[in-house]
């Protein structure tokens, strides 16, 4: 059965859950590599999995709470505060300081972009497709 474009049958839900887990693992790879580089090899893949799971949840909660209590006029403030909270998740996950956590986040973005371009060049696919030209 399809509701609002989403297959709510058992196989559809199972495929969605498996797909989300695979996506979670894939997006954790650049974070893990960045963590390894910044922490001198101390970061584990579990640290990266925790950071990529908790980061978006914390970001959403902080931006929602700020938007709820302060309204749309504080939207920019909410996003900045949510980004700081996400960096805090990196700080806590990798047991490092603020500057290293920021460096992990920036380096993870760079690694993600480089890997996306390489995968796009090798296989003709890229994610997110609108942001990376086919090579």
Protein backbone atom coordinates (compact mmCIF):
# COMPACT_ATOMS: atom_id res chain seq x y z
CA UNK A 1 0.00 0.00 0.00
CA UNK A 2 1.33 3.45 -0.91
CA UNK A 3 0.50 6.48 1.25
CA UNK A 4 1.77 9.90 0.20
CA UNK A 5 4.31 8.29 -2.14
CA UNK A 6 5.69 6.00 0.59
CA UNK A 7 5.31 2.22 0.43
CA UNK A 8 3.97 1.25 3.86
CA UNK A 9 3.91 -2.48 3.22
CA UNK A 10 6.34 -4.67 5.19
CA UNK A 11 8.83 -5.01 2.30
CA UNK A 12 8.65 -1.28 1.59
CA UNK A 13 9.36 -0.36 5.21
CA UNK A 14 12.13 -2.97 5.42
CA UNK A 15 13.78 -1.65 2.24
CA UNK A 16 13.55 1.89 3.58
CA UNK A 17 15.15 0.94 6.91
CA UNK A 18 17.94 -1.01 5.20
CA UNK A 19 18.50 1.89 2.78
CA UNK A 20 18.71 4.40 5.63
CA UNK A 21 21.21 2.22 7.48
CA UNK A 22 23.35 1.89 4.35
CA UNK A 23 23.16 5.66 3.78
CA UNK A 24 24.10 6.26 7.44
CA UNK A 25 27.18 4.06 7.05
CA UNK A 26 28.18 5.75 3.78
CA UNK A 27 27.92 9.30 5.16
CA UNK A 28 29.88 8.20 8.23
CA UNK A 29 32.93 7.33 6.13
CA UNK A 30 34.03 10.94 5.42
CA UNK A 31 33.41 11.85 9.06
CA UNK A 32 35.50 8.86 10.18
CA UNK A 33 38.34 9.75 7.81
CA UNK A 34 38.27 13.37 8.96
CA UNK A 35 38.20 12.26 12.58
CA UNK A 36 41.16 9.94 12.00
CA UNK A 37 43.13 12.75 10.36
CA UNK A 38 42.38 15.36 13.02
CA UNK A 39 42.72 13.15 16.11
CA UNK A 40 45.90 11.44 14.98
CA UNK A 41 44.23 8.10 14.31
CA UNK A 42 42.37 7.87 17.63
CA UNK A 43 38.90 8.17 16.08
CA UNK A 44 36.91 4.99 15.55
CA UNK A 45 34.21 4.24 13.04
CA UNK A 46 31.82 3.99 15.99
CA UNK A 47 32.63 7.60 16.88
CA UNK A 48 31.72 8.62 13.33
CA UNK A 49 28.50 6.59 13.39
CA UNK A 50 27.50 8.25 16.66
CA UNK A 51 28.32 11.72 15.33
CA UNK A 52 26.39 11.23 12.08
CA UNK A 53 23.39 9.81 13.94
CA UNK A 54 23.25 12.30 16.82
CA UNK A 55 24.34 15.41 14.87
CA UNK A 56 21.23 15.84 12.70
CA UNK A 57 18.94 14.94 15.61
CA UNK A 58 20.54 17.57 17.85
CA UNK A 59 20.50 20.09 14.98
CA UNK A 60 16.77 19.53 14.40
CA UNK A 61 15.88 19.72 18.10
CA UNK A 62 17.83 22.94 18.69
CA UNK A 63 16.51 24.68 15.56
CA UNK A 64 12.94 23.53 16.35
CA UNK A 65 13.08 24.69 19.97
CA UNK A 66 14.56 28.07 19.05
CA UNK A 67 11.99 28.53 16.28
CA UNK A 68 9.15 27.47 18.57
CA UNK A 69 10.05 29.75 21.46
CA UNK A 70 11.49 32.73 19.58
CA UNK A 71 9.52 32.52 16.34
CA UNK A 72 10.53 33.00 12.73
CA UNK A 73 12.32 36.25 13.54
CA UNK A 74 15.06 34.21 15.24
CA UNK A 75 15.51 31.80 12.35
CA UNK A 76 19.14 32.74 11.62
CA UNK A 77 19.99 32.65 15.33
CA UNK A 78 18.39 29.20 15.55
CA UNK A 79 20.43 27.86 12.65
CA UNK A 80 23.67 29.24 14.09
CA UNK A 81 22.88 27.78 17.51
CA UNK A 82 21.94 24.45 15.91
CA UNK A 83 25.23 24.38 13.97
CA UNK A 84 27.13 25.02 17.20
CA UNK A 85 25.20 22.17 18.81
CA UNK A 86 26.11 19.89 15.88
CA UNK A 87 29.78 20.82 16.30
CA UNK A 88 29.39 20.02 20.00
CA UNK A 89 28.23 16.52 18.98
CA UNK A 90 31.45 16.13 16.98
CA UNK A 91 33.40 17.44 19.97
CA UNK A 92 31.76 14.94 22.31
CA UNK A 93 31.85 12.01 19.88
CA UNK A 94 35.54 12.38 19.05
CA UNK A 95 36.53 13.58 22.55
CA UNK A 96 38.34 16.63 21.25
CA UNK A 97 38.28 20.40 21.60
CA UNK A 98 36.12 22.91 19.76
CA UNK A 99 38.70 23.82 17.10
CA UNK A 100 39.38 20.18 16.26
CA UNK A 101 35.65 19.48 16.12
CA UNK A 102 35.20 22.35 13.66
CA UNK A 103 38.14 21.03 11.64
CA UNK A 104 36.58 17.53 11.58
CA UNK A 105 33.31 18.98 10.28
CA UNK A 106 34.99 21.04 7.55
CA UNK A 107 37.33 18.23 6.52
CA UNK A 108 34.42 15.76 6.42
CA UNK A 109 32.58 18.07 3.99
CA UNK A 110 35.68 18.33 1.80
CA UNK A 111 36.19 14.55 1.82
CA UNK A 112 32.51 14.02 1.01
CA UNK A 113 32.73 16.36 -1.98
CA UNK A 114 35.95 14.73 -3.25
CA UNK A 115 34.50 11.22 -2.86
CA UNK A 116 31.29 12.31 -4.59
CA UNK A 117 33.25 13.66 -7.56
CA UNK A 118 35.36 10.48 -7.75
CA UNK A 119 32.30 8.21 -7.55
CA UNK A 120 30.54 10.39 -10.09
CA UNK A 121 33.49 10.12 -12.47
CA UNK A 122 33.82 6.36 -12.04
CA UNK A 123 30.17 5.34 -12.10
CA UNK A 124 28.36 8.30 -13.64
CA UNK A 125 26.37 8.93 -10.47
CA UNK A 126 26.67 11.51 -7.75
CA UNK A 127 24.93 12.55 -4.60
CA UNK A 128 23.45 15.09 -4.31
CA UNK A 129 23.12 15.08 -8.08
CA UNK A 130 22.05 18.73 -8.59
CA UNK A 131 25.16 20.03 -6.83
CA UNK A 132 27.86 18.04 -8.60
CA UNK A 133 28.26 18.09 -12.38
CA UNK A 134 28.77 14.83 -14.22
CA UNK A 135 32.34 14.40 -15.39
